[in-house]
Amino acid sequence: MHLAQQPYFALHCHINGLHLSRYGASPKSMSAEVVPTRKHQQPSLLKNHESLSCCSSELLARLSTDSHDDESPTSQNKAVSRLKKKHNDDDLLPRPLAVKKKEGLKNFPGSPAGSSENECHDTAVSPAKSSPMKSERLAGRINGRISCVERKEHTYDDIQNEVNEYFIDSHCHLDFIYKKYLYGGLDCWLESEPGISHRKFFGCIPNFIEPSLFVKNGEKSSQYDFDWILEQLKSNYVLGATYGCHPHFADTFKDSIHETLVDLLKNRQKSKLLAIGECGLDYMKSDADSDVQVEVFRAQLALAKEYQVPLVIHCRSGPRGPGDAEKVCLSALNDMGLSRFHNIHRHCFTENWEVAQKWIDAFDNIYFGFTSAVANWEQSAPDKYEVLKRLPLRRMLLETDAPYFRPRQYDSAKTNSCERFALPPMAVNVAFVIAKAKNMDVNEVIRETTQNALQMYCIRKHPP
């Protein structure tokens, strides 16, 4: 018979200031545990709690003989001394009767359809009739997957010392860094900024989204510098690149840009093209007409569909658009007939769980990128912070969106020239925020998000 189905009783006493509790089906099956009793099951054997304090020696003798009937007096004394020994807080946690994996996750509250074992909230403690655990962190700890340590805000030293897994910056803009802040290139920047670089930085995926930099339009342009891009692609830290037209530049989209994107798609070995984008809609800051943005977005969707390459999507609602950008964006994807299995990187996600769920319902291979903009969500945007807690880790990517979103943790780092902007190795900062939200070890978050980036972009190169 299962323990949960047997008659249940508990003994309480105070011995040398230590509160002991015993429970079991019968005196013979009782095992010494330091646990709290269940409030809804009152002990029937002992009604007067104070009367127990006078029988400590008798109870100690019984405790030792129940579990060690055939052992020597010496071992009995050891058992008694173990009961007298001071226990730490972890010893006072309830002992689970049984732990099992939750099946049918599609119907499990709070989890998106099609979720995997790597998600949060995927365990349940049985028997079902017992009081539910109030702490999800405790349930995860019992299952051996979630850290039991309440993590405070991390520091620069934590970033340098605690990271033992290779990480990837899945979205950055090397060209913007080059144009606005620093000459040189990624290798040069990392070498000159040892306080920013990291021994576990595996690489990055730069997005080239301003066509004037990589499209030769027949006119002299101070922006065009495709040779510089090709030089960056030689770096061991550049895992590949994406090319597209950001909605900020939608009104500059011409046939020459479309033709250049086709050439880059056909010559992927040279261009190291991994995806089209970032492309999409921006109703917050873009000066381009909203209808033009949709037209340019659809043109790039057609290329991604035809050449079967992943997509990087930028989508932001705001006062400059006719309505909900997320709705228009999803509608365009549907109208263009993209497969629900198409790999999509939903870049710089800053929406709530309801919006995230819409993307998950629409696409099986959707990944959400998070930048250091998430750092203040716990206090300033709890609805967005809920996304970090509920979204399956297998759908998450680390981003810097460099040169933007510089983490404040790096204010204490020694730098030569990048006090005002972000560099790709700073992506690991996001992993600490996600780890805190999920009560997980930061290296587990890094390991999973690195695999997600490799899978999203079909990258063959893997960390050692």
Foldseek 3Di string as FASTA:
>chain_A
DQFVPADKAKDWAADPNQTFIWIGRDLLPIAGAREDDDPVDYHPPDDDHVVRHVCVVVVLVSNLCSVCVPDDVVVSVVVSVVVVDDDDPVSHYDDASDKDWAPPVCPPPLAHHPDDPLFQPGIATDDPPDDGDPDSQVSCVVVVFFAPDQDDQDFLVCLAPVADAAFEAAEAAQLCCCVPFDPDGDVVQCVQAVLLDHPRHQAYEYEAADLVQDFDPPDDDPRHDVVVVLVRCPDSRHLAYEYEHALLCLVVDDVSSLVSVVVCLVPCVRRSHLEYDPAFDDQADRPDQRVSSLVRRLSRLLVCQVSVHAYEYEFYHDDNDPDHRLVSRLVSNVVSPDDLARQYEDEQDQDFPVSVSVNVVRHVRAAYEHALVCVCCVPPPVRRLVCLQSPRLLRYAFHHNPQPDADPSCCPTDHDTNNDGHDGSCSLSVLVSSCSSNSHRSNVSRVNNRVSSCVSRVRPDDDD
